[in-house]
């Protein structure tokens, strides 16, 4: 990731660098939200959501 950033800085930020960053960010955020929602939904289903929140 740092190498890609240095290459982007060196080349003056080509458009494919922005596209790859946006794609990686969207994938990371979607996986993070899906993991969080699955965790919270499973905790609520098991009835351990109260113990986790406290």
Protein backbone atom coordinates (compact mmCIF):
# COMPACT_ATOMS: atom_id res chain seq x y z
CA UNK A 1 0.00 0.00 0.00
CA UNK A 2 2.83 2.40 0.85
CA UNK A 3 4.63 1.44 -2.38
CA UNK A 4 1.48 2.23 -4.37
CA UNK A 5 1.21 5.57 -2.58
CA UNK A 6 4.84 6.44 -3.37
CA UNK A 7 4.36 5.46 -7.02
CA UNK A 8 1.22 7.59 -7.17
CA UNK A 9 3.07 10.56 -5.67
CA UNK A 10 5.99 10.05 -8.03
CA UNK A 11 3.81 9.83 -11.14
CA UNK A 12 1.60 12.74 -10.13
CA UNK A 13 -1.42 10.66 -9.06
CA UNK A 14 -2.66 8.98 -12.25
CA UNK A 15 -6.37 8.32 -12.52
CA UNK A 16 -6.01 4.54 -12.07
CA UNK A 17 -4.46 5.21 -8.65
CA UNK A 18 -7.61 7.05 -7.57
CA UNK A 19 -9.80 4.28 -9.02
CA UNK A 20 -7.85 1.55 -7.20
CA UNK A 21 -7.97 3.49 -3.92
CA UNK A 22 -11.74 4.03 -4.24
CA UNK A 23 -12.28 0.35 -5.06
CA UNK A 24 -10.15 -0.81 -2.13
CA UNK A 25 -11.86 1.61 0.27
CA UNK A 26 -15.33 0.53 -0.84
CA UNK A 27 -14.42 -3.15 -0.49
CA UNK A 28 -12.89 -2.55 2.95
CA UNK A 29 -15.85 -0.51 4.20
CA UNK A 30 -18.42 -2.98 2.86
CA UNK A 31 -16.63 -5.91 4.49
CA UNK A 32 -16.30 -3.96 7.74
CA UNK A 33 -20.00 -3.05 7.81
CA UNK A 34 -21.08 -6.58 6.88
CA UNK A 35 -18.87 -8.00 9.66
CA UNK A 36 -20.25 -5.50 12.19
CA UNK A 37 -23.87 -6.11 11.23
CA UNK A 38 -23.44 -9.89 11.24
CA UNK A 39 -21.76 -9.69 14.65
CA UNK A 40 -24.49 -7.49 16.14
CA UNK A 41 -27.30 -9.54 14.60
CA UNK A 42 -25.83 -12.83 15.83
CA UNK A 43 -25.29 -11.33 19.29
CA UNK A 44 -28.90 -10.14 19.40
CA UNK A 45 -30.12 -13.53 18.23
CA UNK A 46 -28.12 -15.30 20.93
CA UNK A 47 -29.25 -12.82 23.60
CA UNK A 48 -25.68 -11.87 24.52
CA UNK A 49 -25.87 -8.36 23.07
CA UNK A 50 -26.51 -6.86 26.50
CA UNK A 51 -23.43 -8.52 28.00
CA UNK A 52 -21.29 -7.35 25.07
CA UNK A 53 -22.51 -3.76 25.29
CA UNK A 54 -21.73 -3.57 29.00
